[in-house]
Amino acid sequence: MDTSSQPPHQVYLNGDQIYTCSGCHAHLARNEDIISKGFQGRHGRAYLFKNVQNITLGPKEDRILMTGLHSVADISCTICQSVVGWIYIYAFEESQKYKEGKYIVEKAKISKENLWIQKE
């Protein structure tokens, strides 16, 4: 069976506050999966997420980031292949270990979808 012509499998997230790929609007993450909004990406502000969907991983590489040396892999949207951030695979400094297995998603690469009602 030739699978090259089939569209990639896509996960649809439930919830009122969903972040999507700004390029193709594939669901990427839920607002409640944000750990922090105080991160810096290549293109400005970025969010640290505990879960992200509809992504593929690029090759692992060591990068010196603002908080030290980390092993990371870029993450791309499964649908349009746009790089939206990276995953922390390994943190060399003990104080940064909490990032391992977590995702950085750049604010410039995502859009808000569904009912973003301000919660009081």
PDB file of N, CA and C in Angstrom:
ATOM      1  N   MET A   1       0.838  -1.186   0.000  1.00  0.00           N
ATOM      2  CA  MET A   1       0.000   0.000   0.000  1.00  0.00           C
ATOM      3  C   MET A   1       0.884   1.251   0.000  1.00  0.00           C
ATOM      4  N   ASP A   2       0.616   2.167  -0.885  1.00  0.00           N
ATOM      5  CA  ASP A   2       1.383   3.409  -0.980  1.00  0.00           C
ATOM      6  C   ASP A   2       0.811   4.419   0.003  1.00  0.00           C
ATOM      7  N   THR A   3       1.597   4.779   1.022  1.00  0.00           N
ATOM      8  CA  THR A   3       1.122   5.732   2.024  1.00  0.00           C
ATOM      9  C   THR A   3       1.607   7.149   1.757  1.00  0.00           C
ATOM     10  N   SER A   4       2.420   7.343   0.717  1.00  0.00           N
ATOM     11  CA  SER A   4       2.988   8.663   0.466  1.00  0.00           C
ATOM     12  C   SER A   4       1.933   9.694   0.061  1.00  0.00           C
ATOM     13  N   SER A   5       0.814   9.249  -0.496  1.00  0.00           N
ATOM     14  CA  SER A   5      -0.214  10.195  -0.922  1.00  0.00           C
ATOM     15  C   SER A   5      -1.254  10.443   0.164  1.00  0.00           C
ATOM     16  N   GLN A   6      -1.170   9.721   1.264  1.00  0.00           N
ATOM     17  CA  GLN A   6      -2.123   9.924   2.349  1.00  0.00           C
ATOM     18  C   GLN A   6      -1.689  11.106   3.203  1.00  0.00           C
ATOM     19  N   PRO A   7      -2.652  11.907   3.679  1.00  0.00           N
ATOM     20  CA  PRO A   7      -2.275  13.014   4.556  1.00  0.00           C
ATOM     21  C   PRO A   7      -1.759  12.468   5.888  1.00  0.00           C
ATOM     22  N   PRO A   8      -0.876  13.217   6.550  1.00  0.00           N
ATOM     23  CA  PRO A   8      -0.362  12.751   7.839  1.00  0.00           C
ATOM     24  C   PRO A   8      -1.489  12.655   8.868  1.00  0.00           C
ATOM     25  N   HIS A   9      -1.347  11.707   9.803  1.00  0.00           N
ATOM     26  CA  HIS A   9      -2.317  11.581  10.893  1.00  0.00           C
ATOM     27  C   HIS A   9      -2.287  12.849  11.732  1.00  0.00           C
ATOM     28  N   GLN A  10      -3.462  13.326  12.115  1.00  0.00           N
ATOM     29  CA  GLN A  10      -3.549  14.561  12.874  1.00  0.00           C
ATOM     30  C   GLN A  10      -4.393  14.339  14.119  1.00  0.00           C
ATOM     31  N   VAL A  11      -3.913  14.823  15.252  1.00  0.00           N
ATOM     32  CA  VAL A  11      -4.651  14.759  16.508  1.00  0.00           C
ATOM     33  C   VAL A  11      -5.408  16.075  16.674  1.00  0.00           C
ATOM     34  N   TYR A  12      -6.689  15.974  17.012  1.00  0.00           N
ATOM     35  CA  TYR A  12      -7.489  17.161  17.294  1.00  0.00           C
ATOM     36  C   TYR A  12      -7.674  17.268  18.795  1.00  0.00           C
ATOM     37  N   LEU A  13      -7.318  18.410  19.352  1.00  0.00           N
ATOM     38  CA  LEU A  13      -7.379  18.605  20.799  1.00  0.00           C
ATOM     39  C   LEU A  13      -8.737  19.151  21.216  1.00  0.00           C
ATOM     40  N   ASN A  14      -9.203  18.714  22.359  1.00  0.00           N
ATOM     41  CA  ASN A  14     -10.452  19.224  22.927  1.00  0.00           C
ATOM     42  C   ASN A  14     -10.133  20.352  23.889  1.00  0.00           C
ATOM     43  N   GLY A  15     -11.042  21.290  23.988  1.00  0.00           N
ATOM     44  CA  GLY A  15     -10.873  22.379  24.938  1.00  0.00           C
ATOM     45  C   GLY A  15     -11.232  23.713  24.328  1.00  0.00           C
ATOM     46  N   ASP A  16     -11.378  24.698  25.206  1.00  0.00           N
ATOM     47  CA  ASP A  16     -11.756  26.043  24.772  1.00  0.00           C
ATOM     48  C   ASP A  16     -10.559  26.875  24.330  1.00  0.00           C
ATOM     49  N   GLN A  17      -9.369  26.514  24.769  1.00  0.00           N
ATOM     50  CA  GLN A  17      -8.190  27.332  24.489  1.00  0.00           C
ATOM     51  C   GLN A  17      -7.098  26.455  23.873  1.00  0.00           C
ATOM     52  N   ILE A  18      -7.049  26.467  22.548  1.00  0.00           N
ATOM     53  CA  ILE A  18      -6.122  25.623  21.797  1.00  0.00           C
ATOM     54  C   ILE A  18      -5.143  26.513  21.034  1.00  0.00           C
ATOM     55  N   TYR A  19      -3.869  26.141  21.086  1.00  0.00           N
ATOM     56  CA  TYR A  19      -2.861  26.796  20.256  1.00  0.00           C
ATOM     57  C   TYR A  19      -2.687  25.973  18.991  1.00  0.00           C
ATOM     58  N   THR A  20      -2.630  26.656  17.852  1.00  0.00           N
ATOM     59  CA  THR A  20      -2.497  25.988  16.565  1.00  0.00           C
ATOM     60  C   THR A  20      -1.277  26.529  15.826  1.00  0.00           C
ATOM     61  N   CYS A  21      -0.833  25.785  14.832  1.00  0.00           N
ATOM     62  CA  CYS A  21       0.241  26.245  13.953  1.00  0.00           C
ATOM     63  C   CYS A  21      -0.260  27.466  13.202  1.00  0.00           C
ATOM     64  N   SER A  22       0.503  28.543  13.201  1.00  0.00           N
ATOM     65  CA  SER A  22       0.046  29.753  12.508  1.00  0.00           C
ATOM     66  C   SER A  22       0.057  29.571  10.996  1.00  0.00           C
ATOM     67  N   GLY A  23       0.790  28.570  10.498  1.00  0.00           N
ATOM     68  CA  GLY A  23       0.852  28.338   9.063  1.00  0.00           C
ATOM     69  C   GLY A  23      -0.339  27.572   8.516  1.00  0.00           C
ATOM     70  N   CYS A  24      -0.738  26.491   9.221  1.00  0.00           N
ATOM     71  CA  CYS A  24      -1.791  25.625   8.667  1.00  0.00           C
ATOM     72  C   CYS A  24      -2.940  25.352   9.645  1.00  0.00           C
ATOM     73  N   HIS A  25      -2.842  25.864  10.855  1.00  0.00           N
ATOM     74  CA  HIS A  25      -3.873  25.737  11.900  1.00  0.00           C
ATOM     75  C   HIS A  25      -4.048  24.327  12.443  1.00  0.00           C
ATOM     76  N   ALA A  26      -3.042  23.474  12.286  1.00  0.00           N
ATOM     77  CA  ALA A  26      -3.068  22.165  12.957  1.00  0.00           C
ATOM     78  C   ALA A  26      -2.988  22.409  14.466  1.00  0.00           C
ATOM     79  N   HIS A  27      -3.725  21.627  15.225  1.00  0.00           N
ATOM     80  CA  HIS A  27      -3.697  21.754  16.680  1.00  0.00           C
ATOM     81  C   HIS A  27      -2.318  21.360  17.199  1.00  0.00           C
ATOM     82  N   LEU A  28      -1.748  22.192  18.084  1.00  0.00           N
ATOM     83  CA  LEU A  28      -0.439  21.900  18.664  1.00  0.00           C
ATOM     84  C   LEU A  28      -0.500  21.656  20.168  1.00  0.00           C
ATOM     85  N   ALA A  29      -1.228  22.495  20.897  1.00  0.00           N
ATOM     86  CA  ALA A  29      -1.195  22.374  22.357  1.00  0.00           C
ATOM     87  C   ALA A  29      -2.418  23.029  22.986  1.00  0.00           C
ATOM     88  N   ARG A  30      -2.664  22.618  24.232  1.00  0.00           N
ATOM     89  CA  ARG A  30      -3.748  23.216  25.014  1.00  0.00           C
ATOM     90  C   ARG A  30      -3.157  24.239  25.982  1.00  0.00           C
ATOM     91  N   ASN A  31      -3.906  25.287  26.256  1.00  0.00           N
ATOM     92  CA  ASN A  31      -3.458  26.338  27.161  1.00  0.00           C
ATOM     93  C   ASN A  31      -3.069  25.765  28.525  1.00  0.00           C
ATOM     94  N   GLU A  32      -3.803  24.766  29.006  1.00  0.00           N
ATOM     95  CA  GLU A  32      -3.505  24.212  30.335  1.00  0.00           C
ATOM     96  C   GLU A  32      -2.201  23.416  30.373  1.00  0.00           C
ATOM     97  N   ASP A  33      -1.576  23.169  29.223  1.00  0.00           N
ATOM     98  CA  ASP A  33      -0.292  22.464  29.189  1.00  0.00           C
ATOM     99  C   ASP A  33       0.909  23.411  29.228  1.00  0.00           C
ATOM    100  N   ILE A  34       0.651  24.709  29.351  1.00  0.00           N
ATOM    101  CA  ILE A  34       1.744  25.683  29.469  1.00  0.00           C
ATOM    102  C   ILE A  34       2.343  25.595  30.869  1.00  0.00           C
ATOM    103  N   ILE A  35       3.660  25.485  30.911  1.00  0.00           N
ATOM    104  CA  ILE A  35       4.385  25.522  32.184  1.00  0.00           C
ATOM    105  C   ILE A  35       4.831  26.955  32.472  1.00  0.00           C
ATOM    106  N   SER A  36       5.307  27.656  31.422  1.00  0.00           N
ATOM    107  CA  SER A  36       5.793  29.020  31.591  1.00  0.00           C
ATOM    108  C   SER A  36       5.673  29.794  30.286  1.00  0.00           C
ATOM    109  N   LYS A  37       5.370  31.097  30.410  1.00  0.00           N
ATOM    110  CA  LYS A  37       5.344  31.988  29.248  1.00  0.00           C
ATOM    111  C   LYS A  37       6.568  32.887  29.216  1.00  0.00           C
ATOM    112  N   GLY A  38       7.541  32.614  30.074  1.00  0.00           N
ATOM    113  CA  GLY A  38       8.699  33.493  30.211  1.00  0.00           C
ATOM    114  C   GLY A  38       9.952  33.009  29.517  1.00  0.00           C
ATOM    115  N   PHE A  39       9.810  32.393  28.361  1.00  0.00           N
ATOM    116  CA  PHE A  39      10.983  31.869  27.653  1.00  0.00           C
ATOM    117  C   PHE A  39      11.274  32.679  26.409  1.00  0.00           C
ATOM    118  N   GLN A  40      12.485  32.510  25.908  1.00  0.00           N
ATOM    119  CA  GLN A  40      12.938  33.211  24.717  1.00  0.00           C
ATOM    120  C   GLN A  40      13.239  32.179  23.632  1.00  0.00           C
ATOM    121  N   GLY A  41      12.715  32.400  22.427  1.00  0.00           N
ATOM    122  CA  GLY A  41      13.002  31.520  21.298  1.00  0.00           C
ATOM    123  C   GLY A  41      13.882  32.241  20.301  1.00  0.00           C
ATOM    124  N   ARG A  42      14.024  31.673  19.137  1.00  0.00           N
ATOM    125  CA  ARG A  42      14.836  32.306  18.085  1.00  0.00           C
ATOM    126  C   ARG A  42      14.179  33.576  17.565  1.00  0.00           C
ATOM    127  N   HIS A  43      12.838  33.622  17.596  1.00  0.00           N
ATOM    128  CA  HIS A  43      12.081  34.737  17.009  1.00  0.00           C
ATOM    129  C   HIS A  43      11.312  35.529  18.053  1.00  0.00           C
ATOM    130  N   GLY A  44      11.836  35.608  19.263  1.00  0.00           N
ATOM    131  CA  GLY A  44      11.155  36.366  20.310  1.00  0.00           C
ATOM    132  C   GLY A  44      10.631  35.462  21.412  1.00  0.00           C
ATOM    133  N   ARG A  45       9.528  35.892  22.009  1.00  0.00           N
ATOM    134  CA  ARG A  45       8.972  35.171  23.153  1.00  0.00           C
ATOM    135  C   ARG A  45       8.546  33.762  22.790  1.00  0.00           C
ATOM    136  N   ALA A  46       8.623  32.895  23.803  1.00  0.00           N
ATOM    137  CA  ALA A  46       8.257  31.501  23.597  1.00  0.00           C
ATOM    138  C   ALA A  46       7.637  30.949  24.876  1.00  0.00           C
ATOM    139  N   TYR A  47       6.881  29.870  24.727  1.00  0.00           N
ATOM    140  CA  TYR A  47       6.230  29.217  25.849  1.00  0.00           C
ATOM    141  C   TYR A  47       6.837  27.840  26.069  1.00  0.00           C
ATOM    142  N   LEU A  48       6.916  27.436  27.333  1.00  0.00           N
ATOM    143  CA  LEU A  48       7.353  26.086  27.676  1.00  0.00           C
ATOM    144  C   LEU A  48       6.104  25.246  27.930  1.00  0.00           C
ATOM    145  N   PHE A  49       5.951  24.172  27.155  1.00  0.00           N
ATOM    146  CA  PHE A  49       4.795  23.281  27.258  1.00  0.00           C
ATOM    147  C   PHE A  49       5.213  21.918  27.773  1.00  0.00           C
ATOM    148  N   LYS A  50       4.309  21.253  28.494  1.00  0.00           N
ATOM    149  CA  LYS A  50       4.589  19.870  28.898  1.00  0.00           C
ATOM    150  C   LYS A  50       4.148  18.880  27.835  1.00  0.00           C
ATOM    151  N   ASN A  51       3.191  19.235  26.986  1.00  0.00           N
ATOM    152  CA  ASN A  51       2.717  18.363  25.901  1.00  0.00           C
ATOM    153  C   ASN A  51       2.485  19.171  24.634  1.00  0.00           C
ATOM    154  N   VAL A  52       2.901  18.615  23.497  1.00  0.00           N
ATOM    155  CA  VAL A  52       2.635  19.210  22.190  1.00  0.00           C
ATOM    156  C   VAL A  52       2.286  18.074  21.233  1.00  0.00           C
ATOM    157  N   GLN A  53       1.302  18.305  20.368  1.00  0.00           N
ATOM    158  CA  GLN A  53       0.826  17.294  19.418  1.00  0.00           C
ATOM    159  C   GLN A  53       1.150  17.709  17.988  1.00  0.00           C
ATOM    160  N   ASN A  54       1.004  16.761  17.076  1.00  0.00           N
ATOM    161  CA  ASN A  54       1.132  17.027  15.634  1.00  0.00           C
ATOM    162  C   ASN A  54       2.483  17.632  15.257  1.00  0.00           C
ATOM    163  N   ILE A  55       3.542  17.063  15.842  1.00  0.00           N
ATOM    164  CA  ILE A  55       4.892  17.537  15.542  1.00  0.00           C
ATOM    165  C   ILE A  55       5.778  16.359  15.149  1.00  0.00           C
ATOM    166  N   THR A  56       6.847  16.682  14.440  1.00  0.00           N
ATOM    167  CA  THR A  56       7.905  15.717  14.158  1.00  0.00           C
ATOM    168  C   THR A  56       9.203  16.304  14.699  1.00  0.00           C
ATOM    169  N   LEU A  57      10.098  15.407  15.102  1.00  0.00           N
ATOM    170  CA  LEU A  57      11.375  15.834  15.669  1.00  0.00           C
ATOM    171  C   LEU A  57      12.455  15.851  14.604  1.00  0.00           C
ATOM    172  N   GLY A  58      13.268  16.896  14.650  1.00  0.00           N
ATOM    173  CA  GLY A  58      14.445  16.954  13.799  1.00  0.00           C
ATOM    174  C   GLY A  58      15.587  16.217  14.480  1.00  0.00           C
ATOM    175  N   PRO A  59      16.788  16.301  13.916  1.00  0.00           N
ATOM    176  CA  PRO A  59      17.941  15.622  14.518  1.00  0.00           C
ATOM    177  C   PRO A  59      18.342  16.258  15.859  1.00  0.00           C
ATOM    178  N   LYS A  60      18.820  15.425  16.760  1.00  0.00           N
ATOM    179  CA  LYS A  60      19.302  15.903  18.062  1.00  0.00           C
ATOM    180  C   LYS A  60      20.615  16.649  17.867  1.00  0.00           C
ATOM    181  N   GLU A  61      20.761  17.759  18.581  1.00  0.00           N
ATOM    182  CA  GLU A  61      22.020  18.504  18.539  1.00  0.00           C
ATOM    183  C   GLU A  61      22.227  19.207  19.866  1.00  0.00           C
ATOM    184  N   ASP A  62      23.477  19.468  20.199  1.00  0.00           N
ATOM    185  CA  ASP A  62      23.796  20.228  21.399  1.00  0.00           C
ATOM    186  C   ASP A  62      23.827  21.707  21.043  1.00  0.00           C
ATOM    187  N   ARG A  63      23.131  22.520  21.867  1.00  0.00           N
ATOM    188  CA  ARG A  63      23.093  23.972  21.637  1.00  0.00           C
ATOM    189  C   ARG A  63      23.393  24.695  22.929  1.00  0.00           C
ATOM    190  N   ILE A  64      24.126  25.774  22.805  1.00  0.00           N
ATOM    191  CA  ILE A  64      24.321  26.657  23.944  1.00  0.00           C
ATOM    192  C   ILE A  64      23.185  27.680  23.902  1.00  0.00           C
ATOM    193  N   LEU A  65      22.304  27.597  24.878  1.00  0.00           N
ATOM    194  CA  LEU A  65      21.159  28.503  24.982  1.00  0.00           C
ATOM    195  C   LEU A  65      21.428  29.499  26.111  1.00  0.00           C
ATOM    196  N   MET A  66      20.493  30.383  26.351  1.00  0.00           N
ATOM    197  CA  MET A  66      20.679  31.408  27.383  1.00  0.00           C
ATOM    198  C   MET A  66      20.942  30.807  28.757  1.00  0.00           C
ATOM    199  N   THR A  67      20.428  29.596  28.999  1.00  0.00           N
ATOM    200  CA  THR A  67      20.575  28.963  30.311  1.00  0.00           C
ATOM    201  C   THR A  67      21.622  27.857  30.314  1.00  0.00           C
ATOM    202  N   GLY A  68      22.465  27.815  29.307  1.00  0.00           N
ATOM    203  CA  GLY A  68      23.548  26.833  29.285  1.00  0.00           C
ATOM    204  C   GLY A  68      23.430  25.852  28.146  1.00  0.00           C
ATOM    205  N   LEU A  69      24.229  24.788  28.231  1.00  0.00           N
ATOM    206  CA  LEU A  69      24.288  23.771  27.184  1.00  0.00           C
ATOM    207  C   LEU A  69      23.158  22.756  27.356  1.00  0.00           C
ATOM    208  N   HIS A  70      22.440  22.486  26.259  1.00  0.00           N
ATOM    209  CA  HIS A  70      21.347  21.511  26.247  1.00  0.00           C
ATOM    210  C   HIS A  70      21.434  20.670  24.972  1.00  0.00           C
ATOM    211  N   SER A  71      20.972  19.423  25.062  1.00  0.00           N
ATOM    212  CA  SER A  71      20.717  18.623  23.860  1.00  0.00           C
ATOM    213  C   SER A  71      19.257  18.847  23.497  1.00  0.00           C
ATOM    214  N   VAL A  72      19.019  19.282  22.273  1.00  0.00           N
ATOM    215  CA  VAL A  72      17.667  19.623  21.824  1.00  0.00           C
ATOM    216  C   VAL A  72      17.437  19.055  20.425  1.00  0.00           C
ATOM    217  N   ALA A  73      16.177  19.056  20.018  1.00  0.00           N
ATOM    218  CA  ALA A  73      15.815  18.729  18.637  1.00  0.00           C
ATOM    219  C   ALA A  73      14.710  19.692  18.227  1.00  0.00           C
ATOM    220  N   ASP A  74      14.832  20.264  17.044  1.00  0.00           N
ATOM    221  CA  ASP A  74      13.769  21.132  16.548  1.00  0.00           C
ATOM    222  C   ASP A  74      12.486  20.330  16.402  1.00  0.00           C
ATOM    223  N   ILE A  75      11.351  21.002  16.622  1.00  0.00           N
ATOM    224  CA  ILE A  75      10.045  20.386  16.385  1.00  0.00           C
ATOM    225  C   ILE A  75       9.358  21.126  15.247  1.00  0.00           C
ATOM    226  N   SER A  76       8.780  20.346  14.336  1.00  0.00           N
ATOM    227  CA  SER A  76       8.096  20.907  13.173  1.00  0.00           C
ATOM    228  C   SER A  76       6.662  20.436  13.153  1.00  0.00           C
ATOM    229  N   CYS A  77       5.796  21.267  12.622  1.00  0.00           N
ATOM    230  CA  CYS A  77       4.404  20.887  12.416  1.00  0.00           C
ATOM    231  C   CYS A  77       4.356  19.701  11.450  1.00  0.00           C
ATOM    232  N   THR A  78       3.637  18.666  11.832  1.00  0.00           N
ATOM    233  CA  THR A  78       3.519  17.470  10.992  1.00  0.00           C
ATOM    234  C   THR A  78       2.846  17.787   9.660  1.00  0.00           C
ATOM    235  N   ILE A  79       1.941  18.753   9.648  1.00  0.00           N
ATOM    236  CA  ILE A  79       1.141  19.039   8.460  1.00  0.00           C
ATOM    237  C   ILE A  79       1.897  19.913   7.456  1.00  0.00           C
ATOM    238  N   CYS A  80       2.435  21.065   7.900  1.00  0.00           N
ATOM    239  CA  CYS A  80       3.079  21.992   6.953  1.00  0.00           C
ATOM    240  C   CYS A  80       4.601  22.034   7.064  1.00  0.00           C
ATOM    241  N   GLN A  81       5.176  21.289   7.992  1.00  0.00           N
ATOM    242  CA  GLN A  81       6.620  21.188   8.196  1.00  0.00           C
ATOM    243  C   GLN A  81       7.289  22.478   8.686  1.00  0.00           C
ATOM    244  N   SER A  82       6.527  23.438   9.122  1.00  0.00           N
ATOM    245  CA  SER A  82       7.099  24.666   9.672  1.00  0.00           C
ATOM    246  C   SER A  82       7.724  24.366  11.041  1.00  0.00           C
ATOM    247  N   VAL A  83       8.964  24.832  11.262  1.00  0.00           N
ATOM    248  CA  VAL A  83       9.604  24.666  12.574  1.00  0.00           C
ATOM    249  C   VAL A  83       8.910  25.608  13.560  1.00  0.00           C
ATOM    250  N   VAL A  84       8.381  25.054  14.638  1.00  0.00           N
ATOM    251  CA  VAL A  84       7.647  25.853  15.620  1.00  0.00           C
ATOM    252  C   VAL A  84       8.380  26.002  16.948  1.00  0.00           C
ATOM    253  N   GLY A  85       9.481  25.261  17.124  1.00  0.00           N
ATOM    254  CA  GLY A  85      10.229  25.354  18.378  1.00  0.00           C
ATOM    255  C   GLY A  85      11.203  24.195  18.511  1.00  0.00           C
ATOM    256  N   TRP A  86      11.400  23.729  19.752  1.00  0.00           N
ATOM    257  CA  TRP A  86      12.289  22.598  19.998  1.00  0.00           C
ATOM    258  C   TRP A  86      11.872  21.850  21.258  1.00  0.00           C
ATOM    259  N   ILE A  87      12.406  20.648  21.410  1.00  0.00           N
ATOM    260  CA  ILE A  87      12.226  19.863  22.621  1.00  0.00           C
ATOM    261  C   ILE A  87      13.572  19.782  23.331  1.00  0.00           C
ATOM    262  N   TYR A  88      13.518  19.890  24.659  1.00  0.00           N
ATOM    263  CA  TYR A  88      14.712  19.685  25.466  1.00  0.00           C
ATOM    264  C   TYR A  88      14.873  18.187  25.704  1.00  0.00           C
ATOM    265  N   ILE A  89      15.965  17.624  25.222  1.00  0.00           N
ATOM    266  CA  ILE A  89      16.226  16.195  25.409  1.00  0.00           C
ATOM    267  C   ILE A  89      17.077  15.970  26.652  1.00  0.00           C
ATOM    268  N   TYR A  90      18.098  16.806  26.825  1.00  0.00           N
ATOM    269  CA  TYR A  90      18.996  16.643  27.962  1.00  0.00           C
ATOM    270  C   TYR A  90      19.526  18.004  28.381  1.00  0.00           C
ATOM    271  N   ALA A  91      19.532  18.248  29.686  1.00  0.00           N
ATOM    272  CA  ALA A  91      20.119  19.470  30.240  1.00  0.00           C
ATOM    273  C   ALA A  91      21.409  19.094  30.958  1.00  0.00           C
ATOM    274  N   PHE A  92      22.489  19.746  30.624  1.00  0.00           N
ATOM    275  CA  PHE A  92      23.782  19.428  31.215  1.00  0.00           C
ATOM    276  C   PHE A  92      23.929  20.004  32.623  1.00  0.00           C
ATOM    277  N   GLU A  93      23.184  21.073  32.925  1.00  0.00           N
ATOM    278  CA  GLU A  93      23.262  21.686  34.252  1.00  0.00           C
ATOM    279  C   GLU A  93      22.101  21.189  35.108  1.00  0.00           C
ATOM    280  N   GLU A  94      22.422  20.862  36.354  1.00  0.00           N
ATOM    281  CA  GLU A  94      21.428  20.290  37.274  1.00  0.00           C
ATOM    282  C   GLU A  94      20.199  21.196  37.427  1.00  0.00           C
ATOM    283  N   SER A  95      20.416  22.504  37.485  1.00  0.00           N
ATOM    284  CA  SER A  95      19.304  23.441  37.697  1.00  0.00           C
ATOM    285  C   SER A  95      18.340  23.497  36.510  1.00  0.00           C
ATOM    286  N   GLN A  96      18.732  22.946  35.372  1.00  0.00           N
ATOM    287  CA  GLN A  96      17.909  23.005  34.160  1.00  0.00           C
ATOM    288  C   GLN A  96      17.222  21.671  33.843  1.00  0.00           C
ATOM    289  N   LYS A  97      17.402  20.658  34.688  1.00  0.00           N
ATOM    290  CA  LYS A  97      16.871  19.315  34.438  1.00  0.00           C
ATOM    291  C   LYS A  97      15.350  19.302  34.282  1.00  0.00           C
ATOM    292  N   TYR A  98      14.645  20.256  34.918  1.00  0.00           N
ATOM    293  CA  TYR A  98      13.182  20.297  34.836  1.00  0.00           C
ATOM    294  C   TYR A  98      12.685  20.477  33.401  1.00  0.00           C
ATOM    295  N   LYS A  99      13.548  20.948  32.502  1.00  0.00           N
ATOM    296  CA  LYS A  99      13.161  21.181  31.107  1.00  0.00           C
ATOM    297  C   LYS A  99      13.180  19.908  30.257  1.00  0.00           C
ATOM    298  N   GLU A 100      13.852  18.869  30.714  1.00  0.00           N
ATOM    299  CA  GLU A 100      13.993  17.653  29.923  1.00  0.00           C
ATOM    300  C   GLU A 100      12.637  17.062  29.576  1.00  0.00           C
ATOM    301  N   GLY A 101      12.442  16.767  28.285  1.00  0.00           N
ATOM    302  CA  GLY A 101      11.167  16.222  27.821  1.00  0.00           C
ATOM    303  C   GLY A 101      10.084  17.263  27.618  1.00  0.00           C
ATOM    304  N   LYS A 102      10.426  18.542  27.808  1.00  0.00           N
ATOM    305  CA  LYS A 102       9.461  19.636  27.638  1.00  0.00           C
ATOM    306  C   LYS A 102       9.729  20.336  26.308  1.00  0.00           C
ATOM    307  N   TYR A 103       8.759  21.114  25.868  1.00  0.00           N
ATOM    308  CA  TYR A 103       8.787  21.723  24.541  1.00  0.00           C
ATOM    309  C   TYR A 103       8.785  23.238  24.618  1.00  0.00           C
ATOM    310  N   ILE A 104       9.612  23.869  23.818  1.00  0.00           N
ATOM    311  CA  ILE A 104       9.546  25.313  23.601  1.00  0.00           C
ATOM    312  C   ILE A 104       8.782  25.521  22.290  1.00  0.00           C
ATOM    313  N   VAL A 105       7.729  26.346  22.357  1.00  0.00           N
ATOM    314  CA  VAL A 105       6.979  26.712  21.148  1.00  0.00           C
ATOM    315  C   VAL A 105       7.024  28.234  21.056  1.00  0.00           C
ATOM    316  N   GLU A 106       7.454  28.715  19.909  1.00  0.00           N
ATOM    317  CA  GLU A 106       7.609  30.154  19.724  1.00  0.00           C
ATOM    318  C   GLU A 106       6.256  30.829  19.509  1.00  0.00           C
ATOM    319  N   LYS A 107       6.038  31.907  20.246  1.00  0.00           N
ATOM    320  CA  LYS A 107       4.774  32.635  20.163  1.00  0.00           C
ATOM    321  C   LYS A 107       4.487  33.094  18.736  1.00  0.00           C
ATOM    322  N   ALA A 108       5.520  33.472  17.983  1.00  0.00           N
ATOM    323  CA  ALA A 108       5.353  33.951  16.607  1.00  0.00           C
ATOM    324  C   ALA A 108       4.874  32.846  15.657  1.00  0.00           C
ATOM    325  N   LYS A 109       4.981  31.586  16.077  1.00  0.00           N
ATOM    326  CA  LYS A 109       4.637  30.459  15.208  1.00  0.00           C
ATOM    327  C   LYS A 109       3.287  29.832  15.525  1.00  0.00           C
ATOM    328  N   ILE A 110       2.559  30.395  16.493  1.00  0.00           N
ATOM    329  CA  ILE A 110       1.272  29.817  16.886  1.00  0.00           C
ATOM    330  C   ILE A 110       0.157  30.851  16.872  1.00  0.00           C
ATOM    331  N   SER A 111      -1.064  30.334  16.775  1.00  0.00           N
ATOM    332  CA  SER A 111      -2.273  31.151  16.830  1.00  0.00           C
ATOM    333  C   SER A 111      -3.190  30.575  17.896  1.00  0.00           C
ATOM    334  N   LYS A 112      -4.095  31.405  18.376  1.00  0.00           N
ATOM    335  CA  LYS A 112      -5.101  30.942  19.333  1.00  0.00           C
ATOM    336  C   LYS A 112      -6.363  30.563  18.576  1.00  0.00           C
ATOM    337  N   GLU A 113      -6.962  29.436  18.964  1.00  0.00           N
ATOM    338  CA  GLU A 113      -8.194  29.002  18.334  1.00  0.00           C
ATOM    339  C   GLU A 113      -9.217  28.627  19.392  1.00  0.00           C
ATOM    340  N   ASN A 114     -10.474  28.655  19.037  1.00  0.00           N
ATOM    341  CA  ASN A 114     -11.615  28.336  19.886  1.00  0.00           C
ATOM    342  C   ASN A 114     -11.988  29.522  20.754  1.00  0.00           C
ATOM    343  N   LEU A 115     -12.568  29.286  21.930  1.00  0.00           N
ATOM    344  CA  LEU A 115     -13.177  30.342  22.745  1.00  0.00           C
ATOM    345  C   LEU A 115     -12.214  30.861  23.791  1.00  0.00           C
ATOM    346  N   TRP A 116     -11.425  31.853  23.444  1.00  0.00           N
ATOM    347  CA  TRP A 116     -10.467  32.410  24.399  1.00  0.00           C
ATOM    348  C   TRP A 116     -11.158  33.463  25.252  1.00  0.00           C
ATOM    349  N   ILE A 117     -12.015  33.011  26.154  1.00  0.00           N
ATOM    350  CA  ILE A 117     -12.737  33.896  27.061  1.00  0.00           C
ATOM    351  C   ILE A 117     -11.837  34.158  28.264  1.00  0.00           C
ATOM    352  N   GLN A 118     -11.741  35.396  28.649  1.00  0.00           N
ATOM    353  CA  GLN A 118     -10.909  35.721  29.823  1.00  0.00           C
ATOM    354  C   GLN A 118     -11.520  35.089  31.062  1.00  0.00           C
ATOM    355  N   LYS A 119     -10.721  34.308  31.773  1.00  0.00           N
ATOM    356  CA  LYS A 119     -11.179  33.669  33.009  1.00  0.00           C
ATOM    357  C   LYS A 119     -10.763  34.546  34.163  1.00  0.00           C
ATOM    358  N   GLU A 120     -11.721  34.764  35.060  1.00  0.00           N
ATOM    359  CA  GLU A 120     -11.437  35.663  36.194  1.00  0.00           C
ATOM    360  C   GLU A 120     -11.043  34.887  37.412  1.00  0.00           C
TER     361      GLU A 120
END
